PDB file of N, CA and C in Angstrom:
ATOM      1  N   MET A   1       0.844  -1.179   0.000  1.00  0.00           N
ATOM      2  CA  MET A   1       0.000   0.000   0.000  1.00  0.00           C
ATOM      3  C   MET A   1       0.887   1.239   0.000  1.00  0.00           C
ATOM      4  N   ASN A   2       0.532   2.208  -0.814  1.00  0.00           N
ATOM      5  CA  ASN A   2       1.342   3.418  -0.864  1.00  0.00           C
ATOM      6  C   ASN A   2       0.759   4.500   0.050  1.00  0.00           C
ATOM      7  N   LEU A   3       1.482   5.582   0.196  1.00  0.00           N
ATOM      8  CA  LEU A   3       1.070   6.639   1.116  1.00  0.00           C
ATOM      9  C   LEU A   3      -0.220   7.320   0.692  1.00  0.00           C
ATOM     10  N   ASP A   4      -0.478   7.414  -0.605  1.00  0.00           N
ATOM     11  CA  ASP A   4      -1.720   8.047  -1.057  1.00  0.00           C
ATOM     12  C   ASP A   4      -2.937   7.289  -0.540  1.00  0.00           C
ATOM     13  N   GLU A   5      -2.873   5.982  -0.556  1.00  0.00           N
ATOM     14  CA  GLU A   5      -3.979   5.167  -0.045  1.00  0.00           C
ATOM     15  C   GLU A   5      -4.120   5.326   1.469  1.00  0.00           C
ATOM     16  N   ILE A   6      -3.007   5.432   2.156  1.00  0.00           N
ATOM     17  CA  ILE A   6      -3.047   5.615   3.610  1.00  0.00           C
ATOM     18  C   ILE A   6      -3.667   6.964   3.953  1.00  0.00           C
ATOM     19  N   TRP A   7      -3.277   8.009   3.223  1.00  0.00           N
ATOM     20  CA  TRP A   7      -3.886   9.325   3.435  1.00  0.00           C
ATOM     21  C   TRP A   7      -5.381   9.288   3.136  1.00  0.00           C
ATOM     22  N   LYS A   8      -5.773   8.561   2.098  1.00  0.00           N
ATOM     23  CA  LYS A   8      -7.186   8.467   1.732  1.00  0.00           C
ATOM     24  C   LYS A   8      -7.996   7.832   2.861  1.00  0.00           C
ATOM     25  N   ILE A   9      -7.489   6.743   3.427  1.00  0.00           N
ATOM     26  CA  ILE A   9      -8.162   6.089   4.554  1.00  0.00           C
ATOM     27  C   ILE A   9      -8.213   7.030   5.756  1.00  0.00           C
ATOM     28  N   PHE A  10      -7.117   7.740   5.998  1.00  0.00           N
ATOM     29  CA  PHE A  10      -7.062   8.694   7.113  1.00  0.00           C
ATOM     30  C   PHE A  10      -8.147   9.756   6.967  1.00  0.00           C
ATOM     31  N   PHE A  11      -8.255  10.344   5.777  1.00  0.00           N
ATOM     32  CA  PHE A  11      -9.241  11.402   5.572  1.00  0.00           C
ATOM     33  C   PHE A  11     -10.672  10.872   5.588  1.00  0.00           C
ATOM     34  N   GLN A  12     -10.887   9.659   5.101  1.00  0.00           N
ATOM     35  CA  GLN A  12     -12.223   9.072   5.162  1.00  0.00           C
ATOM     36  C   GLN A  12     -12.668   8.899   6.613  1.00  0.00           C
ATOM     37  N   HIS A  13     -11.768   8.433   7.451  1.00  0.00           N
ATOM     38  CA  HIS A  13     -12.106   8.247   8.859  1.00  0.00           C
ATOM     39  C   HIS A  13     -12.225   9.584   9.573  1.00  0.00           C
ATOM     40  N   LEU A  14     -11.376  10.535   9.243  1.00  0.00           N
ATOM     41  CA  LEU A  14     -11.426  11.859   9.871  1.00  0.00           C
ATOM     42  C   LEU A  14     -12.741  12.554   9.530  1.00  0.00           C
ATOM     43  N   HIS A  15     -13.235  12.313   8.329  1.00  0.00           N
ATOM     44  CA  HIS A  15     -14.491  12.928   7.865  1.00  0.00           C
ATOM     45  C   HIS A  15     -15.682  12.472   8.705  1.00  0.00           C
ATOM     46  N   THR A  16     -15.595  11.278   9.289  1.00  0.00           N
ATOM     47  CA  THR A  16     -16.700  10.746  10.083  1.00  0.00           C
ATOM     48  C   THR A  16     -16.733  11.307  11.504  1.00  0.00           C
ATOM     49  N   SER A  17     -15.704  12.039  11.897  1.00  0.00           N
ATOM     50  CA  SER A  17     -15.657  12.592  13.254  1.00  0.00           C
ATOM     51  C   SER A  17     -16.692  13.706  13.401  1.00  0.00           C
ATOM     52  N   SER A  18     -17.442  13.653  14.494  1.00  0.00           N
ATOM     53  CA  SER A  18     -18.474  14.665  14.727  1.00  0.00           C
ATOM     54  C   SER A  18     -17.889  15.994  15.196  1.00  0.00           C
ATOM     55  N   HIS A  19     -16.645  15.986  15.645  1.00  0.00           N
ATOM     56  CA  HIS A  19     -16.019  17.207  16.159  1.00  0.00           C
ATOM     57  C   HIS A  19     -15.407  18.066  15.055  1.00  0.00           C
ATOM     58  N   ILE A  20     -15.154  17.471  13.920  1.00  0.00           N
ATOM     59  CA  ILE A  20     -14.464  18.181  12.843  1.00  0.00           C
ATOM     60  C   ILE A  20     -15.469  18.558  11.759  1.00  0.00           C
ATOM     61  N   LEU A  21     -15.591  19.853  11.520  1.00  0.00           N
ATOM     62  CA  LEU A  21     -16.533  20.335  10.514  1.00  0.00           C
ATOM     63  C   LEU A  21     -15.934  20.299   9.119  1.00  0.00           C
ATOM     64  N   GLN A  22     -14.672  20.677   9.033  1.00  0.00           N
ATOM     65  CA  GLN A  22     -13.996  20.779   7.746  1.00  0.00           C
ATOM     66  C   GLN A  22     -12.503  20.619   7.967  1.00  0.00           C
ATOM     67  N   TYR A  23     -11.806  20.082   6.973  1.00  0.00           N
ATOM     68  CA  TYR A  23     -10.357  19.931   7.078  1.00  0.00           C
ATOM     69  C   TYR A  23      -9.740  20.159   5.705  1.00  0.00           C
ATOM     70  N   GLU A  24      -8.467  20.464   5.739  1.00  0.00           N
ATOM     71  CA  GLU A  24      -7.724  20.700   4.500  1.00  0.00           C
ATOM     72  C   GLU A  24      -6.268  20.346   4.753  1.00  0.00           C
ATOM     73  N   GLN A  25      -5.635  19.741   3.757  1.00  0.00           N
ATOM     74  CA  GLN A  25      -4.217  19.425   3.855  1.00  0.00           C
ATOM     75  C   GLN A  25      -3.451  20.339   2.918  1.00  0.00           C
ATOM     76  N   LYS A  26      -2.403  20.945   3.454  1.00  0.00           N
ATOM     77  CA  LYS A  26      -1.514  21.787   2.647  1.00  0.00           C
ATOM     78  C   LYS A  26      -0.087  21.322   2.895  1.00  0.00           C
ATOM     79  N   ASN A  27       0.717  21.334   1.848  1.00  0.00           N
ATOM     80  CA  ASN A  27       2.126  20.974   1.975  1.00  0.00           C
ATOM     81  C   ASN A  27       2.986  22.223   1.843  1.00  0.00           C
ATOM     82  N   PHE A  28       3.869  22.408   2.802  1.00  0.00           N
ATOM     83  CA  PHE A  28       4.842  23.495   2.763  1.00  0.00           C
ATOM     84  C   PHE A  28       6.220  22.882   2.943  1.00  0.00           C
ATOM     85  N   ALA A  29       7.080  23.085   1.981  1.00  0.00           N
ATOM     86  CA  ALA A  29       8.441  22.541   1.991  1.00  0.00           C
ATOM     87  C   ALA A  29       8.420  21.027   2.157  1.00  0.00           C
ATOM     88  N   GLY A  30       7.430  20.388   1.554  1.00  0.00           N
ATOM     89  CA  GLY A  30       7.333  18.941   1.610  1.00  0.00           C
ATOM     90  C   GLY A  30       6.769  18.383   2.903  1.00  0.00           C
ATOM     91  N   ILE A  31       6.329  19.250   3.795  1.00  0.00           N
ATOM     92  CA  ILE A  31       5.790  18.807   5.075  1.00  0.00           C
ATOM     93  C   ILE A  31       4.278  19.026   5.067  1.00  0.00           C
ATOM     94  N   PRO A  32       3.498  17.970   5.326  1.00  0.00           N
ATOM     95  CA  PRO A  32       2.044  18.114   5.305  1.00  0.00           C
ATOM     96  C   PRO A  32       1.496  18.751   6.589  1.00  0.00           C
ATOM     97  N   PHE A  33       0.602  19.707   6.401  1.00  0.00           N
ATOM     98  CA  PHE A  33      -0.078  20.369   7.506  1.00  0.00           C
ATOM     99  C   PHE A  33      -1.571  20.154   7.360  1.00  0.00           C
ATOM    100  N   LEU A  34      -2.222  19.918   8.487  1.00  0.00           N
ATOM    101  CA  LEU A  34      -3.674  19.775   8.511  1.00  0.00           C
ATOM    102  C   LEU A  34      -4.285  21.040   9.083  1.00  0.00           C
ATOM    103  N   TYR A  35      -5.219  21.617   8.350  1.00  0.00           N
ATOM    104  CA  TYR A  35      -5.989  22.759   8.818  1.00  0.00           C
ATOM    105  C   TYR A  35      -7.381  22.239   9.134  1.00  0.00           C
ATOM    106  N   ILE A  36      -7.763  22.301  10.394  1.00  0.00           N
ATOM    107  CA  ILE A  36      -9.005  21.696  10.844  1.00  0.00           C
ATOM    108  C   ILE A  36      -9.913  22.777  11.421  1.00  0.00           C
ATOM    109  N   ASP A  37     -11.126  22.843  10.876  1.00  0.00           N
ATOM    110  CA  ASP A  37     -12.155  23.719  11.419  1.00  0.00           C
ATOM    111  C   ASP A  37     -13.061  22.868  12.289  1.00  0.00           C
ATOM    112  N   ALA A  38     -13.197  23.273  13.550  1.00  0.00           N
ATOM    113  CA  ALA A  38     -13.986  22.508  14.503  1.00  0.00           C
ATOM    114  C   ALA A  38     -15.124  23.377  15.024  1.00  0.00           C
ATOM    115  N   GLY A  39     -16.051  22.727  15.700  1.00  0.00           N
ATOM    116  CA  GLY A  39     -17.138  23.461  16.328  1.00  0.00           C
ATOM    117  C   GLY A  39     -16.612  24.361  17.429  1.00  0.00           C
ATOM    118  N   VAL A  40     -17.393  25.349  17.782  1.00  0.00           N
ATOM    119  CA  VAL A  40     -16.972  26.324  18.788  1.00  0.00           C
ATOM    120  C   VAL A  40     -16.739  25.659  20.140  1.00  0.00           C
ATOM    121  N   THR A  41     -17.533  24.645  20.455  1.00  0.00           N
ATOM    122  CA  THR A  41     -17.405  23.991  21.754  1.00  0.00           C
ATOM    123  C   THR A  41     -16.413  22.831  21.745  1.00  0.00           C
ATOM    124  N   THR A  42     -15.824  22.529  20.589  1.00  0.00           N
ATOM    125  CA  THR A  42     -14.876  21.429  20.479  1.00  0.00           C
ATOM    126  C   THR A  42     -13.544  21.820  21.107  1.00  0.00           C
ATOM    127  N   THR A  43     -12.974  20.909  21.888  1.00  0.00           N
ATOM    128  CA  THR A  43     -11.691  21.173  22.542  1.00  0.00           C
ATOM    129  C   THR A  43     -10.542  20.588  21.721  1.00  0.00           C
ATOM    130  N   LYS A  44      -9.350  21.032  22.031  1.00  0.00           N
ATOM    131  CA  LYS A  44      -8.153  20.521  21.364  1.00  0.00           C
ATOM    132  C   LYS A  44      -7.995  19.031  21.632  1.00  0.00           C
ATOM    133  N   LYS A  45      -8.343  18.598  22.832  1.00  0.00           N
ATOM    134  CA  LYS A  45      -8.231  17.189  23.190  1.00  0.00           C
ATOM    135  C   LYS A  45      -9.126  16.329  22.292  1.00  0.00           C
ATOM    136  N   GLU A  46     -10.321  16.783  21.984  1.00  0.00           N
ATOM    137  CA  GLU A  46     -11.232  16.032  21.121  1.00  0.00           C
ATOM    138  C   GLU A  46     -10.693  15.929  19.701  1.00  0.00           C
ATOM    139  N   ILE A  47     -10.066  16.992  19.230  1.00  0.00           N
ATOM    140  CA  ILE A  47      -9.462  16.956  17.896  1.00  0.00           C
ATOM    141  C   ILE A  47      -8.255  16.030  17.897  1.00  0.00           C
ATOM    142  N   ASP A  48      -7.434  16.101  18.951  1.00  0.00           N
ATOM    143  CA  ASP A  48      -6.287  15.189  19.067  1.00  0.00           C
ATOM    144  C   ASP A  48      -6.739  13.735  19.021  1.00  0.00           C
ATOM    145  N   GLU A  49      -7.830  13.427  19.723  1.00  0.00           N
ATOM    146  CA  GLU A  49      -8.351  12.062  19.750  1.00  0.00           C
ATOM    147  C   GLU A  49      -8.867  11.633  18.377  1.00  0.00           C
ATOM    148  N   ALA A  50      -9.509  12.552  17.655  1.00  0.00           N
ATOM    149  CA  ALA A  50     -10.007  12.238  16.308  1.00  0.00           C
ATOM    150  C   ALA A  50      -8.849  11.963  15.359  1.00  0.00           C
ATOM    151  N   ILE A  51      -7.779  12.759  15.448  1.00  0.00           N
ATOM    152  CA  ILE A  51      -6.601  12.548  14.597  1.00  0.00           C
ATOM    153  C   ILE A  51      -5.933  11.223  14.956  1.00  0.00           C
ATOM    154  N   LEU A  52      -5.835  10.925  16.255  1.00  0.00           N
ATOM    155  CA  LEU A  52      -5.231   9.673  16.698  1.00  0.00           C
ATOM    156  C   LEU A  52      -6.031   8.470  16.194  1.00  0.00           C
ATOM    157  N   ALA A  53      -7.346   8.515  16.341  1.00  0.00           N
ATOM    158  CA  ALA A  53      -8.187   7.400  15.892  1.00  0.00           C
ATOM    159  C   ALA A  53      -8.085   7.208  14.381  1.00  0.00           C
ATOM    160  N   SER A  54      -8.055   8.292  13.634  1.00  0.00           N
ATOM    161  CA  SER A  54      -7.930   8.204  12.181  1.00  0.00           C
ATOM    162  C   SER A  54      -6.565   7.666  11.777  1.00  0.00           C
ATOM    163  N   SER A  55      -5.538   8.061  12.493  1.00  0.00           N
ATOM    164  CA  SER A  55      -4.184   7.580  12.202  1.00  0.00           C
ATOM    165  C   SER A  55      -4.056   6.093  12.490  1.00  0.00           C
ATOM    166  N   ILE A  56      -4.641   5.659  13.595  1.00  0.00           N
ATOM    167  CA  ILE A  56      -4.603   4.237  13.929  1.00  0.00           C
ATOM    168  C   ILE A  56      -5.314   3.435  12.856  1.00  0.00           C
ATOM    169  N   ARG A  57      -6.468   3.917  12.426  1.00  0.00           N
ATOM    170  CA  ARG A  57      -7.227   3.205  11.386  1.00  0.00           C
ATOM    171  C   ARG A  57      -6.431   3.146  10.081  1.00  0.00           C
ATOM    172  N   ALA A  58      -5.805   4.246   9.691  1.00  0.00           N
ATOM    173  CA  ALA A  58      -5.076   4.286   8.423  1.00  0.00           C
ATOM    174  C   ALA A  58      -3.807   3.438   8.461  1.00  0.00           C
ATOM    175  N   ALA A  59      -3.170   3.359   9.619  1.00  0.00           N
ATOM    176  CA  ALA A  59      -1.893   2.659   9.709  1.00  0.00           C
ATOM    177  C   ALA A  59      -2.037   1.205  10.146  1.00  0.00           C
ATOM    178  N   SER A  60      -3.253   0.762  10.418  1.00  0.00           N
ATOM    179  CA  SER A  60      -3.423  -0.618  10.861  1.00  0.00           C
ATOM    180  C   SER A  60      -3.053  -1.577   9.744  1.00  0.00           C
ATOM    181  N   HIS A  61      -2.359  -2.619  10.124  1.00  0.00           N
ATOM    182  CA  HIS A  61      -1.882  -3.653   9.191  1.00  0.00           C
ATOM    183  C   HIS A  61      -0.869  -3.108   8.179  1.00  0.00           C
ATOM    184  N   GLN A  62      -0.243  -1.993   8.479  1.00  0.00           N
ATOM    185  CA  GLN A  62       0.778  -1.408   7.603  1.00  0.00           C
ATOM    186  C   GLN A  62       2.043  -1.186   8.427  1.00  0.00           C
ATOM    187  N   LYS A  63       3.162  -1.122   7.752  1.00  0.00           N
ATOM    188  CA  LYS A  63       4.423  -0.832   8.442  1.00  0.00           C
ATOM    189  C   LYS A  63       4.713   0.659   8.361  1.00  0.00           C
ATOM    190  N   VAL A  64       3.758   1.451   8.799  1.00  0.00           N
ATOM    191  CA  VAL A  64       3.949   2.894   8.833  1.00  0.00           C
ATOM    192  C   VAL A  64       3.674   3.389  10.240  1.00  0.00           C
ATOM    193  N   THR A  65       4.303   4.474  10.576  1.00  0.00           N
ATOM    194  CA  THR A  65       4.018   5.169  11.819  1.00  0.00           C
ATOM    195  C   THR A  65       3.610   6.586  11.446  1.00  0.00           C
ATOM    196  N   TRP A  66       3.247   7.365  12.413  1.00  0.00           N
ATOM    197  CA  TRP A  66       2.877   8.738  12.138  1.00  0.00           C
ATOM    198  C   TRP A  66       3.417   9.641  13.234  1.00  0.00           C
ATOM    199  N   ARG A  67       3.508  10.879  12.898  1.00  0.00           N
ATOM    200  CA  ARG A  67       3.965  11.887  13.843  1.00  0.00           C
ATOM    201  C   ARG A  67       3.047  13.095  13.700  1.00  0.00           C
ATOM    202  N   THR A  68       2.452  13.502  14.797  1.00  0.00           N
ATOM    203  CA  THR A  68       1.538  14.636  14.810  1.00  0.00           C
ATOM    204  C   THR A  68       2.028  15.638  15.834  1.00  0.00           C
ATOM    205  N   SER A  69       2.079  16.892  15.441  1.00  0.00           N
ATOM    206  CA  SER A  69       2.425  17.933  16.413  1.00  0.00           C
ATOM    207  C   SER A  69       1.536  19.150  16.183  1.00  0.00           C
ATOM    208  N   PHE A  70       1.012  19.656  17.270  1.00  0.00           N
ATOM    209  CA  PHE A  70       0.148  20.832  17.234  1.00  0.00           C
ATOM    210  C   PHE A  70       0.987  22.056  16.911  1.00  0.00           C
ATOM    211  N   VAL A  71       0.501  22.877  15.985  1.00  0.00           N
ATOM    212  CA  VAL A  71       1.233  24.078  15.597  1.00  0.00           C
ATOM    213  C   VAL A  71       0.608  25.313  16.226  1.00  0.00           C
ATOM    214  N   ARG A  72      -0.689  25.544  15.956  1.00  0.00           N
ATOM    215  CA  ARG A  72      -1.361  26.733  16.493  1.00  0.00           C
ATOM    216  C   ARG A  72      -2.865  26.597  16.303  1.00  0.00           C
ATOM    217  N   ASN A  73      -3.588  27.509  16.931  1.00  0.00           N
ATOM    218  CA  ASN A  73      -5.013  27.608  16.660  1.00  0.00           C
ATOM    219  C   ASN A  73      -5.421  29.075  16.651  1.00  0.00           C
ATOM    220  N   ASP A  74      -6.476  29.345  15.920  1.00  0.00           N
ATOM    221  CA  ASP A  74      -7.045  30.688  15.838  1.00  0.00           C
ATOM    222  C   ASP A  74      -8.553  30.514  15.963  1.00  0.00           C
ATOM    223  N   GLY A  75      -9.058  30.690  17.158  1.00  0.00           N
ATOM    224  CA  GLY A  75     -10.472  30.450  17.399  1.00  0.00           C
ATOM    225  C   GLY A  75     -10.765  28.965  17.289  1.00  0.00           C
ATOM    226  N   SER A  76     -11.587  28.606  16.318  1.00  0.00           N
ATOM    227  CA  SER A  76     -11.943  27.190  16.155  1.00  0.00           C
ATOM    228  C   SER A  76     -11.197  26.534  14.994  1.00  0.00           C
ATOM    229  N   ARG A  77     -10.155  27.195  14.491  1.00  0.00           N
ATOM    230  CA  ARG A  77      -9.326  26.614  13.429  1.00  0.00           C
ATOM    231  C   ARG A  77      -7.996  26.168  14.025  1.00  0.00           C
ATOM    232  N   TYR A  78      -7.687  24.898  13.838  1.00  0.00           N
ATOM    233  CA  TYR A  78      -6.483  24.306  14.403  1.00  0.00           C
ATOM    234  C   TYR A  78      -5.548  23.879  13.284  1.00  0.00           C
ATOM    235  N   VAL A  79      -4.255  24.010  13.527  1.00  0.00           N
ATOM    236  CA  VAL A  79      -3.246  23.616  12.550  1.00  0.00           C
ATOM    237  C   VAL A  79      -2.324  22.584  13.199  1.00  0.00           C
ATOM    238  N   TYR A  80      -2.157  21.468  12.491  1.00  0.00           N
ATOM    239  CA  TYR A  80      -1.291  20.393  12.958  1.00  0.00           C
ATOM    240  C   TYR A  80      -0.307  20.033  11.855  1.00  0.00           C
ATOM    241  N   GLN A  81       0.890  19.668  12.255  1.00  0.00           N
ATOM    242  CA  GLN A  81       1.829  19.040  11.330  1.00  0.00           C
ATOM    243  C   GLN A  81       1.615  17.545  11.502  1.00  0.00           C
ATOM    244  N   HIS A  82       1.230  16.879  10.430  1.00  0.00           N
ATOM    245  CA  HIS A  82       0.909  15.453  10.522  1.00  0.00           C
ATOM    246  C   HIS A  82       1.526  14.744   9.333  1.00  0.00           C
ATOM    247  N   ARG A  83       2.305  13.713   9.618  1.00  0.00           N
ATOM    248  CA  ARG A  83       2.924  12.961   8.522  1.00  0.00           C
ATOM    249  C   ARG A  83       2.971  11.485   8.853  1.00  0.00           C
ATOM    250  N   PHE A  84       2.825  10.681   7.812  1.00  0.00           N
ATOM    251  CA  PHE A  84       3.000   9.251   7.933  1.00  0.00           C
ATOM    252  C   PHE A  84       4.427   8.932   7.510  1.00  0.00           C
ATOM    253  N   ILE A  85       5.071   8.045   8.263  1.00  0.00           N
ATOM    254  CA  ILE A  85       6.473   7.738   8.039  1.00  0.00           C
ATOM    255  C   ILE A  85       6.597   6.266   7.663  1.00  0.00           C
ATOM    256  N   VAL A  86       7.193   6.022   6.515  1.00  0.00           N
ATOM    257  CA  VAL A  86       7.429   4.664   6.037  1.00  0.00           C
ATOM    258  C   VAL A  86       8.862   4.291   6.399  1.00  0.00           C
ATOM    259  N   PRO A  87       9.052   3.176   7.092  1.00  0.00           N
ATOM    260  CA  PRO A  87      10.419   2.809   7.481  1.00  0.00           C
ATOM    261  C   PRO A  87      11.239   2.388   6.261  1.00  0.00           C
ATOM    262  N   LEU A  88      12.499   2.658   6.339  1.00  0.00           N
ATOM    263  CA  LEU A  88      13.408   2.234   5.282  1.00  0.00           C
ATOM    264  C   LEU A  88      13.658   0.743   5.420  1.00  0.00           C
ATOM    265  N   GLN A  89      13.838   0.079   4.319  1.00  0.00           N
ATOM    266  CA  GLN A  89      14.115  -1.343   4.367  1.00  0.00           C
ATOM    267  C   GLN A  89      15.571  -1.548   4.791  1.00  0.00           C
ATOM    268  N   LYS A  90      15.760  -2.466   5.714  1.00  0.00           N
ATOM    269  CA  LYS A  90      17.104  -2.725   6.216  1.00  0.00           C
ATOM    270  C   LYS A  90      17.941  -3.427   5.151  1.00  0.00           C
ATOM    271  N   MET A  91      19.209  -3.080   5.109  1.00  0.00           N
ATOM    272  CA  MET A  91      20.112  -3.649   4.121  1.00  0.00           C
ATOM    273  C   MET A  91      21.084  -4.660   4.749  1.00  0.00           C
ATOM    274  N   PHE A  92      21.216  -4.650   6.082  1.00  0.00           N
ATOM    275  CA  PHE A  92      22.160  -5.551   6.742  1.00  0.00           C
ATOM    276  C   PHE A  92      21.646  -5.866   8.143  1.00  0.00           C
ATOM    277  N   CYS A  93      22.200  -6.881   8.740  1.00  0.00           N
ATOM    278  CA  CYS A  93      21.826  -7.286  10.098  1.00  0.00           C
ATOM    279  C   CYS A  93      22.634  -6.461  11.100  1.00  0.00           C
ATOM    280  N   CYS A  94      21.927  -5.858  12.054  1.00  0.00           N
ATOM    281  CA  CYS A  94      22.606  -5.041  13.067  1.00  0.00           C
ATOM    282  C   CYS A  94      22.944  -5.849  14.312  1.00  0.00           C
ATOM    283  N   GLY A  95      22.424  -7.094  14.408  1.00  0.00           N
ATOM    284  CA  GLY A  95      22.735  -7.950  15.543  1.00  0.00           C
ATOM    285  C   GLY A  95      21.810  -7.776  16.732  1.00  0.00           C
ATOM    286  N   ASN A  96      20.736  -7.005  16.600  1.00  0.00           N
ATOM    287  CA  ASN A  96      19.822  -6.764  17.713  1.00  0.00           C
ATOM    288  C   ASN A  96      18.591  -7.673  17.699  1.00  0.00           C
ATOM    289  N   SER A  97      18.590  -8.696  16.853  1.00  0.00           N
ATOM    290  CA  SER A  97      17.471  -9.642  16.733  1.00  0.00           C
ATOM    291  C   SER A  97      16.160  -8.935  16.439  1.00  0.00           C
ATOM    292  N   CYS A  98      16.177  -8.021  15.483  1.00  0.00           N
ATOM    293  CA  CYS A  98      14.971  -7.284  15.079  1.00  0.00           C
ATOM    294  C   CYS A  98      13.967  -8.228  14.414  1.00  0.00           C
ATOM    295  N   THR A  99      12.686  -7.907  14.528  1.00  0.00           N
ATOM    296  CA  THR A  99      11.652  -8.754  13.923  1.00  0.00           C
ATOM    297  C   THR A  99      11.694  -8.699  12.401  1.00  0.00           C
ATOM    298  N   ASP A 100      12.193  -7.606  11.845  1.00  0.00           N
ATOM    299  CA  ASP A 100      12.270  -7.485  10.383  1.00  0.00           C
ATOM    300  C   ASP A 100      13.697  -7.676   9.868  1.00  0.00           C
ATOM    301  N   CYS A 101      14.458  -8.491  10.554  1.00  0.00           N
ATOM    302  CA  CYS A 101      15.852  -8.721  10.193  1.00  0.00           C
ATOM    303  C   CYS A 101      15.969  -9.327   8.798  1.00  0.00           C
ATOM    304  N   VAL A 102      16.964  -8.911   8.065  1.00  0.00           N
ATOM    305  CA  VAL A 102      17.164  -9.429   6.713  1.00  0.00           C
ATOM    306  C   VAL A 102      17.562 -10.896   6.726  1.00  0.00           C
ATOM    307  N   ARG A 103      18.024 -11.386   7.861  1.00  0.00           N
ATOM    308  CA  ARG A 103      18.365 -12.808   7.954  1.00  0.00           C
ATOM    309  C   ARG A 103      17.131 -13.694   7.862  1.00  0.00           C
ATOM    310  N   TYR A 104      15.967 -13.160   8.278  1.00  0.00           N
ATOM    311  CA  TYR A 104      14.743 -13.949   8.315  1.00  0.00           C
ATOM    312  C   TYR A 104      13.896 -13.804   7.057  1.00  0.00           C
ATOM    313  N   GLU A 105      14.320 -12.994   6.117  1.00  0.00           N
ATOM    314  CA  GLU A 105      13.551 -12.796   4.888  1.00  0.00           C
ATOM    315  C   GLU A 105      13.557 -14.056   4.058  1.00  0.00           C
ATOM    316  N   ARG A 106      12.423 -14.317   3.461  1.00  0.00           N
ATOM    317  CA  ARG A 106      12.318 -15.477   2.547  1.00  0.00           C
ATOM    318  C   ARG A 106      12.403 -14.955   1.131  1.00  0.00           C
ATOM    319  N   THR A 107      13.233 -15.579   0.355  1.00  0.00           N
ATOM    320  CA  THR A 107      13.392 -15.151  -1.029  1.00  0.00           C
ATOM    321  C   THR A 107      12.659 -16.053  -1.986  1.00  0.00           C
TER     322      THR A 107
END
């Protein structure tokens, strides 16, 4: 699965959140930012939970992780830096008995 599909699943799940009215993704210098418009009574914690739940859903059964950091808010508009991170494939054994060790790969 590529990152576009993961983002698609993330946004589909984020769209179902009752706390988020509207969202938009913008890239600046290759870094994705989420602009989220929430209800007036919605708290930052509720938005954090919605982003976390959507990220878990998008990354389930995938070898990706994510990193989210709050940037700022202006009234009910919140800005987050959110990115999915795909691990690099290992090229050699480091000796730490990793679960994805190249020694255990089947060819």
